[in-house]
């Protein structure tokens, strides 16, 4: 998928795609994490 997207750009004279790193997937907020932690009975957290 990333190769196909790059080919679109190359064909238009843009030969590089900026990729800072591969941390490209979902991220979860502190509120979402805390909610998930509180819903589990057999753990403690801080």
ModelCIF file with pLDDT and N, C-alpha, C, O atoms, coordinates in Angstrom:
data_MODEL
#
_entry.id   MODEL 
#
_entity.id                         1 
_entity.type                       polymer 
_entity.pdbx_number_of_molecules   1 
#
_entity_poly.entity_id                      1 
_entity_poly.type                           'polypeptide(L)' 
_entity_poly.nstd_linkage                   no 
_entity_poly.nstd_monomer                   no 
_entity_poly.pdbx_seq_one_letter_code       
;(UNK)(UNK)(UNK)(UNK)(UNK)(UNK)(UNK)(UNK)(UNK)(UNK)(UNK)(UNK)(UNK)(UNK)(UNK)(UNK)
(UNK)(UNK)(UNK)(UNK)(UNK)(UNK)(UNK)(UNK)(UNK)(UNK)(UNK)(UNK)(UNK)(UNK)(UNK)(UNK)
(UNK)(UNK)(UNK)(UNK)(UNK)(UNK)(UNK)(UNK)(UNK)(UNK)(UNK)(UNK)(UNK)(UNK)
;
_entity_poly.pdbx_seq_one_letter_code_can   XXXXXXXXXXXXXXXXXXXXXXXXXXXXXXXXXXXXXXXXXXXXXX 
_entity_poly.pdbx_strand_id                 A 
#
loop_
_entity_poly_seq.entity_id 
_entity_poly_seq.num 
_entity_poly_seq.mon_id 
_entity_poly_seq.hetero 
1 1  UNK n 
1 2  UNK n 
1 3  UNK n 
1 4  UNK n 
1 5  UNK n 
1 6  UNK n 
1 7  UNK n 
1 8  UNK n 
1 9  UNK n 
1 10 UNK n 
1 11 UNK n 
1 12 UNK n 
1 13 UNK n 
1 14 UNK n 
1 15 UNK n 
1 16 UNK n 
1 17 UNK n 
1 18 UNK n 
1 19 UNK n 
1 20 UNK n 
1 21 UNK n 
1 22 UNK n 
1 23 UNK n 
1 24 UNK n 
1 25 UNK n 
1 26 UNK n 
1 27 UNK n 
1 28 UNK n 
1 29 UNK n 
1 30 UNK n 
1 31 UNK n 
1 32 UNK n 
1 33 UNK n 
1 34 UNK n 
1 35 UNK n 
1 36 UNK n 
1 37 UNK n 
1 38 UNK n 
1 39 UNK n 
1 40 UNK n 
1 41 UNK n 
1 42 UNK n 
1 43 UNK n 
1 44 UNK n 
1 45 UNK n 
1 46 UNK n 
#
_struct_asym.id          A 
_struct_asym.entity_id   1 
#
loop_
_ma_qa_metric.id 
_ma_qa_metric.mode 
_ma_qa_metric.name 
_ma_qa_metric.software_group_id 
_ma_qa_metric.type 
1 global pLDDT . pLDDT 
2 local  pLDDT . pLDDT 
#
_ma_qa_metric_global.metric_id      1 
_ma_qa_metric_global.metric_value   97.50 
_ma_qa_metric_global.model_id       1 
_ma_qa_metric_global.ordinal_id     1 
#
loop_
_ma_qa_metric_local.label_asym_id 
_ma_qa_metric_local.label_comp_id 
_ma_qa_metric_local.label_seq_id 
_ma_qa_metric_local.metric_id 
_ma_qa_metric_local.metric_value 
_ma_qa_metric_local.model_id 
_ma_qa_metric_local.ordinal_id 
A UNK 1  2 98.00 1 1  
A UNK 2  2 98.00 1 2  
A UNK 3  2 98.00 1 3  
A UNK 4  2 98.00 1 4  
A UNK 5  2 98.00 1 5  
A UNK 6  2 98.00 1 6  
A UNK 7  2 98.00 1 7  
A UNK 8  2 98.00 1 8  
A UNK 9  2 98.00 1 9  
A UNK 10 2 98.00 1 10 
A UNK 11 2 98.00 1 11 
A UNK 12 2 97.00 1 12 
A UNK 13 2 97.00 1 13 
A UNK 14 2 98.00 1 14 
A UNK 15 2 98.00 1 15 
A UNK 16 2 98.00 1 16 
A UNK 17 2 98.00 1 17 
A UNK 18 2 98.00 1 18 
A UNK 19 2 98.00 1 19 
A UNK 20 2 96.00 1 20 
A UNK 21 2 97.00 1 21 
A UNK 22 2 98.00 1 22 
A UNK 23 2 98.00 1 23 
A UNK 24 2 98.00 1 24 
A UNK 25 2 98.00 1 25 
A UNK 26 2 98.00 1 26 
A UNK 27 2 98.00 1 27 
A UNK 28 2 98.00 1 28 
A UNK 29 2 98.00 1 29 
A UNK 30 2 97.00 1 30 
A UNK 31 2 98.00 1 31 
A UNK 32 2 98.00 1 32 
A UNK 33 2 98.00 1 33 
A UNK 34 2 98.00 1 34 
A UNK 35 2 98.00 1 35 
A UNK 36 2 98.00 1 36 
A UNK 37 2 98.00 1 37 
A UNK 38 2 97.00 1 38 
A UNK 39 2 96.00 1 39 
A UNK 40 2 94.00 1 40 
A UNK 41 2 93.00 1 41 
A UNK 42 2 95.00 1 42 
A UNK 43 2 97.00 1 43 
A UNK 44 2 97.00 1 44 
A UNK 45 2 98.00 1 45 
A UNK 46 2 98.00 1 46 
#
loop_
_atom_site.group_PDB 
_atom_site.id 
_atom_site.type_symbol 
_atom_site.label_atom_id 
_atom_site.label_alt_id 
_atom_site.label_comp_id 
_atom_site.label_asym_id 
_atom_site.label_entity_id 
_atom_site.label_seq_id 
_atom_site.pdbx_PDB_ins_code 
_atom_site.Cartn_x 
_atom_site.Cartn_y 
_atom_site.Cartn_z 
_atom_site.occupancy 
_atom_site.B_iso_or_equiv 
_atom_site.pdbx_formal_charge 
_atom_site.auth_seq_id 
_atom_site.auth_comp_id 
_atom_site.auth_asym_id 
_atom_site.auth_atom_id 
_atom_site.pdbx_PDB_model_num 
ATOM 1   N N  . UNK A 1 1  ? 0.825   -1.211 0.000   1.00 98.00 ? 1  UNK A N  1 
ATOM 2   C CA . UNK A 1 1  ? 0.000   0.000  0.000   1.00 98.00 ? 1  UNK A CA 1 
ATOM 3   C C  . UNK A 1 1  ? 0.857   1.258  0.000   1.00 98.00 ? 1  UNK A C  1 
ATOM 4   O O  . UNK A 1 1  ? 0.538   2.222  -0.696  1.00 98.00 ? 1  UNK A O  1 
ATOM 5   N N  . UNK A 1 2  ? 1.950   1.262  0.777   1.00 98.00 ? 2  UNK A N  1 
ATOM 6   C CA . UNK A 1 2  ? 2.797   2.453  0.801   1.00 98.00 ? 2  UNK A CA 1 
ATOM 7   C C  . UNK A 1 2  ? 3.581   2.587  -0.493  1.00 98.00 ? 2  UNK A C  1 
ATOM 8   O O  . UNK A 1 2  ? 3.902   3.697  -0.917  1.00 98.00 ? 2  UNK A O  1 
ATOM 9   N N  . UNK A 1 3  ? 3.892   1.451  -1.125  1.00 98.00 ? 3  UNK A N  1 
ATOM 10  C CA . UNK A 1 3  ? 4.561   1.508  -2.422  1.00 98.00 ? 3  UNK A CA 1 
ATOM 11  C C  . UNK A 1 3  ? 3.673   2.060  -3.514  1.00 98.00 ? 3  UNK A C  1 
ATOM 12  O O  . UNK A 1 3  ? 4.121   2.846  -4.349  1.00 98.00 ? 3  UNK A O  1 
ATOM 13  N N  . UNK A 1 4  ? 2.412   1.653  -3.514  1.00 98.00 ? 4  UNK A N  1 
ATOM 14  C CA . UNK A 1 4  ? 1.475   2.162  -4.521  1.00 98.00 ? 4  UNK A CA 1 
ATOM 15  C C  . UNK A 1 4  ? 1.271   3.657  -4.358  1.00 98.00 ? 4  UNK A C  1 
ATOM 16  O O  . UNK A 1 4  ? 1.231   4.388  -5.347  1.00 98.00 ? 4  UNK A O  1 
ATOM 17  N N  . UNK A 1 5  ? 1.143   4.119  -3.124  1.00 98.00 ? 5  UNK A N  1 
ATOM 18  C CA . UNK A 1 5  ? 0.993   5.555  -2.881  1.00 98.00 ? 5  UNK A CA 1 
ATOM 19  C C  . UNK A 1 5  ? 2.225   6.315  -3.353  1.00 98.00 ? 5  UNK A C  1 
ATOM 20  O O  . UNK A 1 5  ? 2.109   7.404  -3.915  1.00 98.00 ? 5  UNK A O  1 
ATOM 21  N N  . UNK A 1 6  ? 3.406   5.742  -3.123  1.00 98.00 ? 6  UNK A N  1 
ATOM 22  C CA . UNK A 1 6  ? 4.648   6.391  -3.564  1.00 98.00 ? 6  UNK A CA 1 
ATOM 23  C C  . UNK A 1 6  ? 4.737   6.454  -5.083  1.00 98.00 ? 6  UNK A C  1 
ATOM 24  O O  . UNK A 1 6  ? 5.248   7.426  -5.640  1.00 98.00 ? 6  UNK A O  1 
ATOM 25  N N  . UNK A 1 7  ? 4.241   5.417  -5.752  1.00 98.00 ? 7  UNK A N  1 
ATOM 26  C CA . UNK A 1 7  ? 4.281   5.397  -7.221  1.00 98.00 ? 7  UNK A CA 1 
ATOM 27  C C  . UNK A 1 7  ? 3.433   6.522  -7.813  1.00 98.00 ? 7  UNK A C  1 
ATOM 28  O O  . UNK A 1 7  ? 3.802   7.110  -8.830  1.00 98.00 ? 7  UNK A O  1 
ATOM 29  N N  . UNK A 1 8  ? 2.302   6.821  -7.181  1.00 98.00 ? 8  UNK A N  1 
ATOM 30  C CA . UNK A 1 8  ? 1.479   7.949  -7.633  1.00 98.00 ? 8  UNK A CA 1 
ATOM 31  C C  . UNK A 1 8  ? 2.309   9.223  -7.637  1.00 98.00 ? 8  UNK A C  1 
ATOM 32  O O  . UNK A 1 8  ? 2.295   9.979  -8.608  1.00 98.00 ? 8  UNK A O  1 
ATOM 33  N N  . UNK A 1 9  ? 3.032   9.455  -6.546  1.00 98.00 ? 9  UNK A N  1 
ATOM 34  C CA . UNK A 1 9  ? 3.822   10.676 -6.429  1.00 98.00 ? 9  UNK A CA 1 
ATOM 35  C C  . UNK A 1 9  ? 5.002   10.677 -7.395  1.00 98.00 ? 9  UNK A C  1 
ATOM 36  O O  . UNK A 1 9  ? 5.306   11.699 -8.010  1.00 98.00 ? 9  UNK A O  1 
ATOM 37  N N  . UNK A 1 10 ? 5.667   9.528  -7.526  1.00 98.00 ? 10 UNK A N  1 
ATOM 38  C CA . UNK A 1 10 ? 6.821   9.477  -8.435  1.00 98.00 ? 10 UNK A CA 1 
ATOM 39  C C  . UNK A 1 10 ? 6.402   9.824  -9.858  1.00 98.00 ? 10 UNK A C  1 
ATOM 40  O O  . UNK A 1 10 ? 7.117   10.539 -10.561 1.00 98.00 ? 10 UNK A O  1 
ATOM 41  N N  . UNK A 1 11 ? 5.260   9.326  -10.280 1.00 98.00 ? 11 UNK A N  1 
ATOM 42  C CA . UNK A 1 11 ? 4.779   9.607  -11.634 1.00 98.00 ? 11 UNK A CA 1 
ATOM 43  C C  . UNK A 1 11 ? 4.463   11.087 -11.839 1.00 98.00 ? 11 UNK A C  1 
ATOM 44  O O  . UNK A 1 11 ? 4.328   11.546 -12.973 1.00 98.00 ? 11 UNK A O  1 
ATOM 45  N N  . UNK A 1 12 ? 4.348   11.822 -10.749 1.00 97.00 ? 12 UNK A N  1 
ATOM 46  C CA . UNK A 1 12 ? 4.097   13.263 -10.833 1.00 97.00 ? 12 UNK A CA 1 
ATOM 47  C C  . UNK A 1 12 ? 5.337   14.089 -10.507 1.00 97.00 ? 12 UNK A C  1 
ATOM 48  O O  . UNK A 1 12 ? 5.255   15.291 -10.258 1.00 97.00 ? 12 UNK A O  1 
ATOM 49  N N  . UNK A 1 13 ? 6.496   13.411 -10.516 1.00 97.00 ? 13 UNK A N  1 
ATOM 50  C CA . UNK A 1 13 ? 7.751   14.119 -10.317 1.00 97.00 ? 13 UNK A CA 1 
ATOM 51  C C  . UNK A 1 13 ? 8.188   14.280 -8.880  1.00 97.00 ? 13 UNK A C  1 
ATOM 52  O O  . UNK A 1 13 ? 9.138   15.012 -8.602  1.00 97.00 ? 13 UNK A O  1 
ATOM 53  N N  . UNK A 1 14 ? 7.507   13.602 -7.949  1.00 98.00 ? 14 UNK A N  1 
ATOM 54  C CA . UNK A 1 14 ? 7.874   13.674 -6.526  1.00 98.00 ? 14 UNK A CA 1 
ATOM 55  C C  . UNK A 1 14 ? 8.471   12.325 -6.149  1.00 98.00 ? 14 UNK A C  1 
ATOM 56  O O  . UNK A 1 14 ? 7.738   11.354 -5.966  1.00 98.00 ? 14 UNK A O  1 
ATOM 57  N N  . UNK A 1 15 ? 9.787   12.255 -6.032  1.00 98.00 ? 15 UNK A N  1 
ATOM 58  C CA . UNK A 1 15 ? 10.442  10.956 -5.931  1.00 98.00 ? 15 UNK A CA 1 
ATOM 59  C C  . UNK A 1 15 ? 10.632  10.458 -4.510  1.00 98.00 ? 15 UNK A C  1 
ATOM 60  O O  . UNK A 1 15 ? 11.042  9.315  -4.310  1.00 98.00 ? 15 UNK A O  1 
ATOM 61  N N  . UNK A 1 16 ? 10.342  11.292 -3.518  1.00 98.00 ? 16 UNK A N  1 
ATOM 62  C CA . UNK A 1 16 ? 10.475  10.854 -2.134  1.00 98.00 ? 16 UNK A CA 1 
ATOM 63  C C  . UNK A 1 16 ? 9.196   11.120 -1.352  1.00 98.00 ? 16 UNK A C  1 
ATOM 64  O O  . UNK A 1 16 ? 8.512   12.121 -1.568  1.00 98.00 ? 16 UNK A O  1 
ATOM 65  N N  . UNK A 1 17 ? 8.884   10.198 -0.433  1.00 98.00 ? 17 UNK A N  1 
ATOM 66  C CA . UNK A 1 17 ? 7.777   10.364 0.505   1.00 98.00 ? 17 UNK A CA 1 
ATOM 67  C C  . UNK A 1 17 ? 8.388   10.515 1.894   1.00 98.00 ? 17 UNK A C  1 
ATOM 68  O O  . UNK A 1 17 ? 9.229   9.710  2.293   1.00 98.00 ? 17 UNK A O  1 
ATOM 69  N N  . UNK A 1 18 ? 7.978   11.519 2.615   1.00 98.00 ? 18 UNK A N  1 
ATOM 70  C CA . UNK A 1 18 ? 8.505   11.732 3.957   1.00 98.00 ? 18 UNK A CA 1 
ATOM 71  C C  . UNK A 1 18 ? 7.955   10.673 4.910   1.00 98.00 ? 18 UNK A C  1 
ATOM 72  O O  . UNK A 1 18 ? 6.745   10.473 5.009   1.00 98.00 ? 18 UNK A O  1 
ATOM 73  N N  . UNK A 1 19 ? 8.866   10.006 5.604   1.00 98.00 ? 19 UNK A N  1 
ATOM 74  C CA . UNK A 1 19 ? 8.488   9.008  6.610   1.00 98.00 ? 19 UNK A CA 1 
ATOM 75  C C  . UNK A 1 19 ? 9.383   9.221  7.819   1.00 98.00 ? 19 UNK A C  1 
ATOM 76  O O  . UNK A 1 19 ? 10.532  8.779  7.828   1.00 98.00 ? 19 UNK A O  1 
ATOM 77  N N  . UNK A 1 20 ? 8.876   9.883  8.822   1.00 96.00 ? 20 UNK A N  1 
ATOM 78  C CA . UNK A 1 20 ? 9.680   10.184 10.005  1.00 96.00 ? 20 UNK A CA 1 
ATOM 79  C C  . UNK A 1 20 ? 10.048  8.916  10.768  1.00 96.00 ? 20 UNK A C  1 
ATOM 80  O O  . UNK A 1 20 ? 11.169  8.779  11.258  1.00 96.00 ? 20 UNK A O  1 
ATOM 81  N N  . UNK A 1 21 ? 9.106   8.003  10.862  1.00 97.00 ? 21 UNK A N  1 
ATOM 82  C CA . UNK A 1 21 ? 9.290   6.744  11.560  1.00 97.00 ? 21 UNK A CA 1 
ATOM 83  C C  . UNK A 1 21 ? 8.133   5.840  11.154  1.00 97.00 ? 21 UNK A C  1 
ATOM 84  O O  . UNK A 1 21 ? 7.358   6.196  10.266  1.00 97.00 ? 21 UNK A O  1 
ATOM 85  N N  . UNK A 1 22 ? 8.004   4.690  11.780  1.00 98.00 ? 22 UNK A N  1 
ATOM 86  C CA . UNK A 1 22 ? 6.901   3.790  11.436  1.00 98.00 ? 22 UNK A CA 1 
ATOM 87  C C  . UNK A 1 22 ? 5.861   3.703  12.556  1.00 98.00 ? 22 UNK A C  1 
ATOM 88  O O  . UNK A 1 22 ? 5.078   2.756  12.612  1.00 98.00 ? 22 UNK A O  1 
ATOM 89  N N  . UNK A 1 23 ? 5.862   4.695  13.440  1.00 98.00 ? 23 UNK A N  1 
ATOM 90  C CA . UNK A 1 23 ? 4.806   4.775  14.448  1.00 98.00 ? 23 UNK A CA 1 
ATOM 91  C C  . UNK A 1 23 ? 3.617   5.470  13.794  1.00 98.00 ? 23 UNK A C  1 
ATOM 92  O O  . UNK A 1 23 ? 3.395   6.669  13.967  1.00 98.00 ? 23 UNK A O  1 
ATOM 93  N N  . UNK A 1 24 ? 2.869   4.684  13.045  1.00 98.00 ? 24 UNK A N  1 
ATOM 94  C CA . UNK A 1 24 ? 1.845   5.208  12.137  1.00 98.00 ? 24 UNK A CA 1 
ATOM 95  C C  . UNK A 1 24 ? 0.443   4.709  12.455  1.00 98.00 ? 24 UNK A C  1 
ATOM 96  O O  . UNK A 1 24 ? -0.519  5.044  11.764  1.00 98.00 ? 24 UNK A O  1 
ATOM 97  N N  . UNK A 1 25 ? 0.337   3.897  13.518  1.00 98.00 ? 25 UNK A N  1 
ATOM 98  C CA . UNK A 1 25 ? -0.948  3.299  13.862  1.00 98.00 ? 25 UNK A CA 1 
ATOM 99  C C  . UNK A 1 25 ? -1.680  4.071  14.943  1.00 98.00 ? 25 UNK A C  1 
ATOM 100 O O  . UNK A 1 25 ? -1.303  5.194  15.279  1.00 98.00 ? 25 UNK A O  1 
ATOM 101 N N  . UNK A 1 26 ? -2.728  3.467  15.487  1.00 98.00 ? 26 UNK A N  1 
ATOM 102 C CA . UNK A 1 26 ? -3.559  4.144  16.494  1.00 98.00 ? 26 UNK A CA 1 
ATOM 103 C C  . UNK A 1 26 ? -2.794  4.473  17.777  1.00 98.00 ? 26 UNK A C  1 
ATOM 104 O O  . UNK A 1 26 ? -1.850  3.784  18.163  1.00 98.00 ? 26 UNK A O  1 
ATOM 105 N N  . UNK A 1 27 ? -3.238  5.545  18.414  1.00 98.00 ? 27 UNK A N  1 
ATOM 106 C CA . UNK A 1 27 ? -2.740  5.965  19.720  1.00 98.00 ? 27 UNK A CA 1 
ATOM 107 C C  . UNK A 1 27 ? -3.943  6.166  20.631  1.00 98.00 ? 27 UNK A C  1 
ATOM 108 O O  . UNK A 1 27 ? -5.029  6.508  20.163  1.00 98.00 ? 27 UNK A O  1 
ATOM 109 N N  . UNK A 1 28 ? -3.752  5.953  21.938  1.00 98.00 ? 28 UNK A N  1 
ATOM 110 C CA . UNK A 1 28 ? -4.873  6.022  22.866  1.00 98.00 ? 28 UNK A CA 1 
ATOM 111 C C  . UNK A 1 28 ? -4.580  7.044  23.965  1.00 98.00 ? 28 UNK A C  1 
ATOM 112 O O  . UNK A 1 28 ? -3.463  7.116  24.478  1.00 98.00 ? 28 UNK A O  1 
ATOM 113 N N  . UNK A 1 29 ? -5.583  7.821  24.314  1.00 98.00 ? 29 UNK A N  1 
ATOM 114 C CA . UNK A 1 29 ? -5.434  8.887  25.295  1.00 98.00 ? 29 UNK A CA 1 
ATOM 115 C C  . UNK A 1 29 ? -5.339  8.308  26.704  1.00 98.00 ? 29 UNK A C  1 
ATOM 116 O O  . UNK A 1 29 ? -5.667  7.145  26.939  1.00 98.00 ? 29 UNK A O  1 
ATOM 117 N N  . UNK A 1 30 ? -4.880  9.149  27.640  1.00 97.00 ? 30 UNK A N  1 
ATOM 118 C CA . UNK A 1 30 ? -4.824  8.730  29.047  1.00 97.00 ? 30 UNK A CA 1 
ATOM 119 C C  . UNK A 1 30 ? -6.207  8.363  29.567  1.00 97.00 ? 30 UNK A C  1 
ATOM 120 O O  . UNK A 1 30 ? -6.353  7.443  30.372  1.00 97.00 ? 30 UNK A O  1 
ATOM 121 N N  . UNK A 1 31 ? -7.217  9.086  29.103  1.00 98.00 ? 31 UNK A N  1 
ATOM 122 C CA . UNK A 1 31 ? -8.585  8.785  29.533  1.00 98.00 ? 31 UNK A CA 1 
ATOM 123 C C  . UNK A 1 31 ? -9.031  7.408  29.040  1.00 98.00 ? 31 UNK A C  1 
ATOM 124 O O  . UNK A 1 31 ? -9.666  6.655  29.778  1.00 98.00 ? 31 UNK A O  1 
ATOM 125 N N  . UNK A 1 32 ? -8.700  7.086  27.799  1.00 98.00 ? 32 UNK A N  1 
ATOM 126 C CA . UNK A 1 32 ? -9.065  5.771  27.257  1.00 98.00 ? 32 UNK A CA 1 
ATOM 127 C C  . UNK A 1 32 ? -8.313  4.658  27.979  1.00 98.00 ? 32 UNK A C  1 
ATOM 128 O O  . UNK A 1 32 ? -8.879  3.604  28.267  1.00 98.00 ? 32 UNK A O  1 
ATOM 129 N N  . UNK A 1 33 ? -7.043  4.895  28.268  1.00 98.00 ? 33 UNK A N  1 
ATOM 130 C CA . UNK A 1 33 ? -6.250  3.889  28.975  1.00 98.00 ? 33 UNK A CA 1 
ATOM 131 C C  . UNK A 1 33 ? -6.780  3.675  30.394  1.00 98.00 ? 33 UNK A C  1 
ATOM 132 O O  . UNK A 1 33 ? -6.938  2.540  30.844  1.00 98.00 ? 33 UNK A O  1 
ATOM 133 N N  . UNK A 1 34 ? -7.050  4.770  31.086  1.00 98.00 ? 34 UNK A N  1 
ATOM 134 C CA . UNK A 1 34 ? -7.537  4.652  32.470  1.00 98.00 ? 34 UNK A CA 1 
ATOM 135 C C  . UNK A 1 34 ? -8.888  3.948  32.523  1.00 98.00 ? 34 UNK A C  1 
ATOM 136 O O  . UNK A 1 34 ? -9.138  3.150  33.427  1.00 98.00 ? 34 UNK A O  1 
ATOM 137 N N  . UNK A 1 35 ? -9.748  4.235  31.574  1.00 98.00 ? 35 UNK A N  1 
ATOM 138 C CA . UNK A 1 35 ? -11.047 3.562  31.525  1.00 98.00 ? 35 UNK A CA 1 
ATOM 139 C C  . UNK A 1 35 ? -10.876 2.054  31.356  1.00 98.00 ? 35 UNK A C  1 
ATOM 140 O O  . UNK A 1 35 ? -11.579 1.269  31.992  1.00 98.00 ? 35 UNK A O  1 
ATOM 141 N N  . UNK A 1 36 ? -9.939  1.653  30.494  1.00 98.00 ? 36 UNK A N  1 
ATOM 142 C CA . UNK A 1 36 ? -9.689  0.224  30.276  1.00 98.00 ? 36 UNK A CA 1 
ATOM 143 C C  . UNK A 1 36 ? -9.102  -0.416 31.528  1.00 98.00 ? 36 UNK A C  1 
ATOM 144 O O  . UNK A 1 36 ? -9.462  -1.541 31.875  1.00 98.00 ? 36 UNK A O  1 
ATOM 145 N N  . UNK A 1 37 ? -8.214  0.280  32.200  1.00 98.00 ? 37 UNK A N  1 
ATOM 146 C CA . UNK A 1 37 ? -7.625  -0.254 33.420  1.00 98.00 ? 37 UNK A CA 1 
ATOM 147 C C  . UNK A 1 37 ? -8.673  -0.426 34.512  1.00 98.00 ? 37 UNK A C  1 
ATOM 148 O O  . UNK A 1 37 ? -8.679  -1.437 35.215  1.00 98.00 ? 37 UNK A O  1 
ATOM 149 N N  . UNK A 1 38 ? -9.551  0.545  34.656  1.00 97.00 ? 38 UNK A N  1 
ATOM 150 C CA . UNK A 1 38 ? -10.580 0.487  35.701  1.00 97.00 ? 38 UNK A CA 1 
ATOM 151 C C  . UNK A 1 38 ? -11.597 -0.620 35.445  1.00 97.00 ? 38 UNK A C  1 
ATOM 152 O O  . UNK A 1 38 ? -12.251 -1.088 36.377  1.00 97.00 ? 38 UNK A O  1 
ATOM 153 N N  . UNK A 1 39 ? -11.732 -1.035 34.208  1.00 96.00 ? 39 UNK A N  1 
ATOM 154 C CA . UNK A 1 39 ? -12.718 -2.074 33.879  1.00 96.00 ? 39 UNK A CA 1 
ATOM 155 C C  . UNK A 1 39 ? -12.204 -3.483 34.144  1.00 96.00 ? 39 UNK A C  1 
ATOM 156 O O  . UNK A 1 39 ? -12.931 -4.456 33.946  1.00 96.00 ? 39 UNK A O  1 
ATOM 157 N N  . UNK A 1 40 ? -10.953 -3.599 34.591  1.00 94.00 ? 40 UNK A N  1 
ATOM 158 C CA . UNK A 1 40 ? -10.348 -4.904 34.853  1.00 94.00 ? 40 UNK A CA 1 
ATOM 159 C C  . UNK A 1 40 ? -10.222 -5.092 36.351  1.00 94.00 ? 40 UNK A C  1 
ATOM 160 O O  . UNK A 1 40 ? -9.593  -4.277 37.025  1.00 94.00 ? 40 UNK A O  1 
ATOM 161 N N  . UNK A 1 41 ? -10.812 -6.157 36.885  1.00 93.00 ? 41 UNK A N  1 
ATOM 162 C CA . UNK A 1 41 ? -10.917 -6.335 38.334  1.00 93.00 ? 41 UNK A CA 1 
ATOM 163 C C  . UNK A 1 41 ? -9.648  -6.872 38.988  1.00 93.00 ? 41 UNK A C  1 
ATOM 164 O O  . UNK A 1 41 ? -9.426  -6.647 40.177  1.00 93.00 ? 41 UNK A O  1 
ATOM 165 N N  . UNK A 1 42 ? -8.820  -7.573 38.232  1.00 95.00 ? 42 UNK A N  1 
ATOM 166 C CA . UNK A 1 42 ? -7.719  -8.295 38.882  1.00 95.00 ? 42 UNK A CA 1 
ATOM 167 C C  . UNK A 1 42 ? -6.383  -7.559 38.818  1.00 95.00 ? 42 UNK A C  1 
ATOM 168 O O  . UNK A 1 42 ? -5.336  -8.181 38.995  1.00 95.00 ? 42 UNK A O  1 
ATOM 169 N N  . UNK A 1 43 ? -6.396  -6.245 38.568  1.00 97.00 ? 43 UNK A N  1 
ATOM 170 C CA . UNK A 1 43 ? -5.153  -5.487 38.516  1.00 97.00 ? 43 UNK A CA 1 
ATOM 171 C C  . UNK A 1 43 ? -5.246  -4.246 39.405  1.00 97.00 ? 43 UNK A C  1 
ATOM 172 O O  . UNK A 1 43 ? -6.332  -3.770 39.735  1.00 97.00 ? 43 UNK A O  1 
ATOM 173 N N  . UNK A 1 44 ? -4.076  -3.745 39.780  1.00 97.00 ? 44 UNK A N  1 
ATOM 174 C CA . UNK A 1 44 ? -3.975  -2.458 40.460  1.00 97.00 ? 44 UNK A CA 1 
ATOM 175 C C  . UNK A 1 44 ? -3.055  -1.578 39.624  1.00 97.00 ? 44 UNK A C  1 
ATOM 176 O O  . UNK A 1 44 ? -2.170  -2.079 38.931  1.00 97.00 ? 44 UNK A O  1 
ATOM 177 N N  . UNK A 1 45 ? -3.260  -0.285 39.690  1.00 98.00 ? 45 UNK A N  1 
ATOM 178 C CA . UNK A 1 45 ? -2.439  0.604  38.870  1.00 98.00 ? 45 UNK A CA 1 
ATOM 179 C C  . UNK A 1 45 ? -2.292  1.955  39.530  1.00 98.00 ? 45 UNK A C  1 
ATOM 180 O O  . UNK A 1 45 ? -3.066  2.334  40.409  1.00 98.00 ? 45 UNK A O  1 
ATOM 181 N N  . UNK A 1 46 ? -1.278  2.672  39.083  1.00 98.00 ? 46 UNK A N  1 
ATOM 182 C CA . UNK A 1 46 ? -1.076  4.043  39.517  1.00 98.00 ? 46 UNK A CA 1 
ATOM 183 C C  . UNK A 1 46 ? -0.637  4.877  38.329  1.00 98.00 ? 46 UNK A C  1 
ATOM 184 O O  . UNK A 1 46 ? -0.407  6.078  38.469  1.00 98.00 ? 46 UNK A O  1 
#
